[in-house]
Amino acid sequence: MRDIEQPLRCPACGSDLIVGSHGHNIYICKNNNCGWIGNMVATEQSKPRRRLYKGVRTNGSVVVTVNGDPLKHIVYHSPSGFEWGYAGSGPADLALSILADYFNEARLDWDGRAWQLHQDFKDDFIATIEDDQFLIDTYQIDNWIYLANQSGK
């Protein structure tokens, strides 16, 4: 457990961070000129757990990676694999799998945050991708969760 007298520091500018609402490990930089919002993993170094999700569709084949490694497919809606660009079963599994990785949930958990948020994430992120490739960064997901909490989703 961290000592309260030693605040977390913003990875972008070094200013103190404040804890966001709703218990999602969201932190907000106190420096208004910075605007960093992020998800910090409680480690000795308090380094952010940055993940980059990349999807590429070529010749009808879809590959999705996280930091260069294949993203684990949490199979629920679509046994045939990931997709994006519409609101179907492939995009639902992609949303579920990205959020399961993001929240470090190794398997499908009906009470887990990935399961609870994946349909909204699919609608807001995955279904709206118009290209044959995409990049989604953990900072974007952090911001989406923060805004969803603010709007009461």
C-alpha atoms as a PDB file:
ATOM      1  CA  MET A   1       0.000   0.000   0.000  1.00  0.00           C
ATOM      2  CA  ARG A   2       1.266   3.481  -0.879  1.00  0.00           C
ATOM      3  CA  ASP A   3       2.104   6.015   1.789  1.00  0.00           C
ATOM      4  CA  ILE A   4      -0.479   8.806   1.537  1.00  0.00           C
ATOM      5  CA  GLU A   5       2.248  11.414   2.024  1.00  0.00           C
ATOM      6  CA  GLN A   6       3.921  10.280  -1.224  1.00  0.00           C
ATOM      7  CA  PRO A   7       1.490  11.239  -4.025  1.00  0.00           C
ATOM      8  CA  LEU A   8       1.533   9.652  -7.442  1.00  0.00           C
ATOM      9  CA  ARG A   9       3.133  11.767 -10.134  1.00  0.00           C
ATOM     10  CA  CYS A  10       1.803  12.466 -13.616  1.00  0.00           C
ATOM     11  CA  PRO A  11       3.830  10.513 -16.205  1.00  0.00           C
ATOM     12  CA  ALA A  12       3.411  13.395 -18.673  1.00  0.00           C
ATOM     13  CA  CYS A  13       4.434  16.426 -16.596  1.00  0.00           C
ATOM     14  CA  GLY A  14       5.427  15.218 -13.103  1.00  0.00           C
ATOM     15  CA  SER A  15       2.673  17.071 -11.223  1.00  0.00           C
ATOM     16  CA  ASP A  16       0.632  15.432  -8.467  1.00  0.00           C
ATOM     17  CA  LEU A  17      -2.282  13.216  -9.490  1.00  0.00           C
ATOM     18  CA  ILE A  18      -5.703  13.102  -7.867  1.00  0.00           C
ATOM     19  CA  VAL A  19      -7.866   9.997  -7.748  1.00  0.00           C
ATOM     20  CA  GLY A  20     -10.883   9.989 -10.070  1.00  0.00           C
ATOM     21  CA  SER A  21     -14.320   8.873  -9.010  1.00  0.00           C
ATOM     22  CA  HIS A  22     -16.062   5.483  -9.086  1.00  0.00           C
ATOM     23  CA  GLY A  23     -13.110   3.269  -8.111  1.00  0.00           C
ATOM     24  CA  HIS A  24     -11.783   2.516 -11.617  1.00  0.00           C
ATOM     25  CA  ASN A  25      -8.160   3.423 -10.746  1.00  0.00           C
ATOM     26  CA  ILE A  26      -8.494   6.596 -12.792  1.00  0.00           C
ATOM     27  CA  TYR A  27      -6.090   9.398 -11.975  1.00  0.00           C
ATOM     28  CA  ILE A  28      -6.237  13.008 -13.123  1.00  0.00           C
ATOM     29  CA  CYS A  29      -3.300  15.409 -13.319  1.00  0.00           C
ATOM     30  CA  LYS A  30      -3.695  18.448 -11.041  1.00  0.00           C
ATOM     31  CA  ASN A  31      -1.915  20.598 -13.627  1.00  0.00           C
ATOM     32  CA  ASN A  32      -4.742  22.103 -15.702  1.00  0.00           C
ATOM     33  CA  ASN A  33      -2.338  22.799 -18.567  1.00  0.00           C
ATOM     34  CA  CYS A  34      -1.425  19.099 -18.819  1.00  0.00           C
ATOM     35  CA  GLY A  35      -4.843  17.418 -18.853  1.00  0.00           C
ATOM     36  CA  TRP A  36      -3.489  13.863 -18.426  1.00  0.00           C
ATOM     37  CA  ILE A  37      -6.083  11.293 -17.353  1.00  0.00           C
ATOM     38  CA  GLY A  38      -4.877   7.761 -16.823  1.00  0.00           C
ATOM     39  CA  ASN A  39      -4.945   4.344 -15.263  1.00  0.00           C
ATOM     40  CA  MET A  40      -2.031   3.718 -12.900  1.00  0.00           C
ATOM     41  CA  VAL A  41      -1.035   0.275 -11.726  1.00  0.00           C
ATOM     42  CA  ALA A  42       0.028   0.198  -8.067  1.00  0.00           C
ATOM     43  CA  THR A  43       3.703  -0.706  -8.365  1.00  0.00           C
ATOM     44  CA  GLU A  44       6.770   0.477  -6.512  1.00  0.00           C
ATOM     45  CA  GLN A  45       7.560   2.823  -9.399  1.00  0.00           C
ATOM     46  CA  SER A  46       3.897   3.764  -9.940  1.00  0.00           C
ATOM     47  CA  LYS A  47       4.364   3.517 -13.690  1.00  0.00           C
ATOM     48  CA  PRO A  48       1.290   3.643 -15.918  1.00  0.00           C
ATOM     49  CA  ARG A  49       0.266   0.347 -17.524  1.00  0.00           C
ATOM     50  CA  ARG A  50       0.260   1.578 -21.096  1.00  0.00           C
ATOM     51  CA  ARG A  51      -1.176  -0.770 -23.675  1.00  0.00           C
ATOM     52  CA  LEU A  52      -1.603  -0.217 -27.395  1.00  0.00           C
ATOM     53  CA  TYR A  53      -4.297  -2.232 -29.163  1.00  0.00           C
ATOM     54  CA  LYS A  54      -3.783  -2.507 -32.911  1.00  0.00           C
ATOM     55  CA  GLY A  55      -6.126  -4.113 -35.407  1.00  0.00           C
ATOM     56  CA  VAL A  56      -5.388  -4.790 -39.072  1.00  0.00           C
ATOM     57  CA  ARG A  57      -7.703  -6.316 -41.678  1.00  0.00           C
ATOM     58  CA  THR A  58      -6.052  -7.568 -44.872  1.00  0.00           C
ATOM     59  CA  ASN A  59      -7.623  -9.817 -47.522  1.00  0.00           C
ATOM     60  CA  GLY A  60     -10.490 -10.691 -45.183  1.00  0.00           C
ATOM     61  CA  SER A  61      -8.164 -11.736 -42.348  1.00  0.00           C
ATOM     62  CA  VAL A  62      -8.238  -9.864 -39.031  1.00  0.00           C
ATOM     63  CA  VAL A  63      -5.294  -9.615 -36.626  1.00  0.00           C
ATOM     64  CA  VAL A  64      -5.501  -7.743 -33.310  1.00  0.00           C
ATOM     65  CA  THR A  65      -2.465  -7.251 -31.097  1.00  0.00           C
ATOM     66  CA  VAL A  66      -1.721  -5.641 -27.757  1.00  0.00           C
ATOM     67  CA  ASN A  67       1.780  -4.169 -27.524  1.00  0.00           C
ATOM     68  CA  GLY A  68       2.708  -6.359 -30.491  1.00  0.00           C
ATOM     69  CA  ASP A  69       1.428  -9.662 -29.050  1.00  0.00           C
ATOM     70  CA  PRO A  70      -1.828 -11.342 -30.137  1.00  0.00           C
ATOM     71  CA  LEU A  71      -4.814 -10.168 -28.099  1.00  0.00           C
ATOM     72  CA  LYS A  72      -6.412 -13.078 -26.235  1.00  0.00           C
ATOM     73  CA  HIS A  73      -9.889 -13.719 -27.644  1.00  0.00           C
ATOM     74  CA  ILE A  74     -12.454 -13.916 -24.837  1.00  0.00           C
ATOM     75  CA  VAL A  75     -15.009 -15.974 -26.753  1.00  0.00           C
ATOM     76  CA  TYR A  76     -18.632 -15.251 -25.950  1.00  0.00           C
ATOM     77  CA  HIS A  77     -20.492 -13.625 -28.829  1.00  0.00           C
ATOM     78  CA  SER A  78     -18.398 -14.706 -31.814  1.00  0.00           C
ATOM     79  CA  PRO A  79     -16.528 -18.009 -31.998  1.00  0.00           C
ATOM     80  CA  SER A  80     -15.235 -17.022 -35.444  1.00  0.00           C
ATOM     81  CA  GLY A  81     -13.155 -14.096 -34.158  1.00  0.00           C
ATOM     82  CA  PHE A  82     -12.830 -10.350 -33.972  1.00  0.00           C
ATOM     83  CA  GLU A  83     -14.314  -7.688 -36.235  1.00  0.00           C
ATOM     84  CA  TRP A  84     -15.013  -3.956 -36.124  1.00  0.00           C
ATOM     85  CA  GLY A  85     -16.917  -1.260 -37.958  1.00  0.00           C
ATOM     86  CA  TYR A  86     -20.446  -2.401 -37.055  1.00  0.00           C
ATOM     87  CA  ALA A  87     -22.394  -3.451 -33.942  1.00  0.00           C
ATOM     88  CA  GLY A  88     -22.287  -7.243 -34.278  1.00  0.00           C
ATOM     89  CA  SER A  89     -20.917 -10.277 -32.467  1.00  0.00           C
ATOM     90  CA  GLY A  90     -17.299  -9.963 -33.712  1.00  0.00           C
ATOM     91  CA  PRO A  91     -17.086  -6.344 -32.532  1.00  0.00           C
ATOM     92  CA  ALA A  92     -18.679  -7.343 -29.194  1.00  0.00           C
ATOM     93  CA  ASP A  93     -15.979  -9.969 -28.607  1.00  0.00           C
ATOM     94  CA  LEU A  94     -13.292  -7.474 -29.612  1.00  0.00           C
ATOM     95  CA  ALA A  95     -14.640  -4.940 -27.101  1.00  0.00           C
ATOM     96  CA  LEU A  96     -14.882  -7.619 -24.405  1.00  0.00           C
ATOM     97  CA  SER A  97     -11.344  -8.867 -25.103  1.00  0.00           C
ATOM     98  CA  ILE A  98      -9.785  -5.388 -25.126  1.00  0.00           C
ATOM     99  CA  LEU A  99     -11.483  -4.479 -21.848  1.00  0.00           C
ATOM    100  CA  ALA A 100     -10.596  -7.845 -20.270  1.00  0.00           C
ATOM    101  CA  ASP A 101      -6.952  -7.137 -21.085  1.00  0.00           C
ATOM    102  CA  TYR A 102      -7.244  -3.517 -19.947  1.00  0.00           C
ATOM    103  CA  PHE A 103      -8.740  -4.535 -16.572  1.00  0.00           C
ATOM    104  CA  ASN A 104      -6.407  -7.553 -16.327  1.00  0.00           C
ATOM    105  CA  GLU A 105      -9.330  -9.989 -16.235  1.00  0.00           C
ATOM    106  CA  ALA A 106      -7.962 -13.252 -17.645  1.00  0.00           C
ATOM    107  CA  ARG A 107     -11.341 -14.950 -18.136  1.00  0.00           C
ATOM    108  CA  LEU A 108     -14.994 -14.065 -18.616  1.00  0.00           C
ATOM    109  CA  ASP A 109     -16.455 -12.828 -15.330  1.00  0.00           C
ATOM    110  CA  TRP A 110     -20.136 -11.843 -15.264  1.00  0.00           C
ATOM    111  CA  ASP A 111     -19.381  -9.440 -12.393  1.00  0.00           C
ATOM    112  CA  GLY A 112     -16.198  -8.124 -14.009  1.00  0.00           C
ATOM    113  CA  ARG A 113     -15.765  -4.613 -15.298  1.00  0.00           C
ATOM    114  CA  ALA A 114     -14.989  -5.846 -18.822  1.00  0.00           C
ATOM    115  CA  TRP A 115     -18.326  -7.653 -19.060  1.00  0.00           C
ATOM    116  CA  GLN A 116     -20.254  -4.734 -17.583  1.00  0.00           C
ATOM    117  CA  LEU A 117     -18.778  -2.158 -19.958  1.00  0.00           C
ATOM    118  CA  HIS A 118     -18.114  -4.046 -23.189  1.00  0.00           C
ATOM    119  CA  GLN A 119     -21.390  -3.319 -25.019  1.00  0.00           C
ATOM    120  CA  ASP A 120     -21.068   0.442 -24.419  1.00  0.00           C
ATOM    121  CA  PHE A 121     -17.391   0.282 -25.420  1.00  0.00           C
ATOM    122  CA  LYS A 122     -18.376  -1.603 -28.579  1.00  0.00           C
ATOM    123  CA  ASP A 123     -20.973   1.053 -29.446  1.00  0.00           C
ATOM    124  CA  ASP A 124     -18.693   4.019 -28.663  1.00  0.00           C
ATOM    125  CA  PHE A 125     -15.369   2.697 -30.041  1.00  0.00           C
ATOM    126  CA  ILE A 126     -15.391  -0.549 -31.981  1.00  0.00           C
ATOM    127  CA  ALA A 127     -18.534  -0.132 -34.099  1.00  0.00           C
ATOM    128  CA  THR A 128     -17.445   3.353 -35.193  1.00  0.00           C
ATOM    129  CA  ILE A 129     -14.104   2.313 -36.737  1.00  0.00           C
ATOM    130  CA  GLU A 130     -14.355   2.922 -40.484  1.00  0.00           C
ATOM    131  CA  ASP A 131     -10.893   1.820 -41.616  1.00  0.00           C
ATOM    132  CA  ASP A 132      -9.218  -1.544 -42.135  1.00  0.00           C
ATOM    133  CA  GLN A 133      -6.911  -0.750 -39.226  1.00  0.00           C
ATOM    134  CA  PHE A 134      -7.131   0.898 -35.834  1.00  0.00           C
ATOM    135  CA  LEU A 135      -5.064   1.911 -32.816  1.00  0.00           C
ATOM    136  CA  ILE A 136      -6.596   2.232 -29.358  1.00  0.00           C
ATOM    137  CA  ASP A 137      -4.418   3.382 -26.481  1.00  0.00           C
ATOM    138  CA  THR A 138      -5.078   2.826 -22.771  1.00  0.00           C
ATOM    139  CA  TYR A 139      -5.195   6.596 -22.339  1.00  0.00           C
ATOM    140  CA  GLN A 140      -8.193   6.693 -24.691  1.00  0.00           C
ATOM    141  CA  ILE A 141      -9.885   3.955 -22.665  1.00  0.00           C
ATOM    142  CA  ASP A 142      -9.058   5.775 -19.409  1.00  0.00           C
ATOM    143  CA  ASN A 143     -10.677   8.908 -20.784  1.00  0.00           C
ATOM    144  CA  TRP A 144     -13.730   6.990 -22.063  1.00  0.00           C
ATOM    145  CA  ILE A 145     -14.253   5.403 -18.626  1.00  0.00           C
ATOM    146  CA  TYR A 146     -13.848   8.763 -16.921  1.00  0.00           C
ATOM    147  CA  LEU A 147     -16.384  10.410 -19.244  1.00  0.00           C
ATOM    148  CA  ALA A 148     -18.778   7.451 -18.958  1.00  0.00           C
ATOM    149  CA  ASN A 149     -18.660   7.792 -15.166  1.00  0.00           C
ATOM    150  CA  GLN A 150     -19.345  11.507 -15.443  1.00  0.00           C
ATOM    151  CA  SER A 151     -22.365  10.898 -17.681  1.00  0.00           C
ATOM    152  CA  GLY A 152     -23.712   8.081 -15.496  1.00  0.00           C
ATOM    153  CA  LYS A 153     -23.264   5.206 -17.995  1.00  0.00           C
END
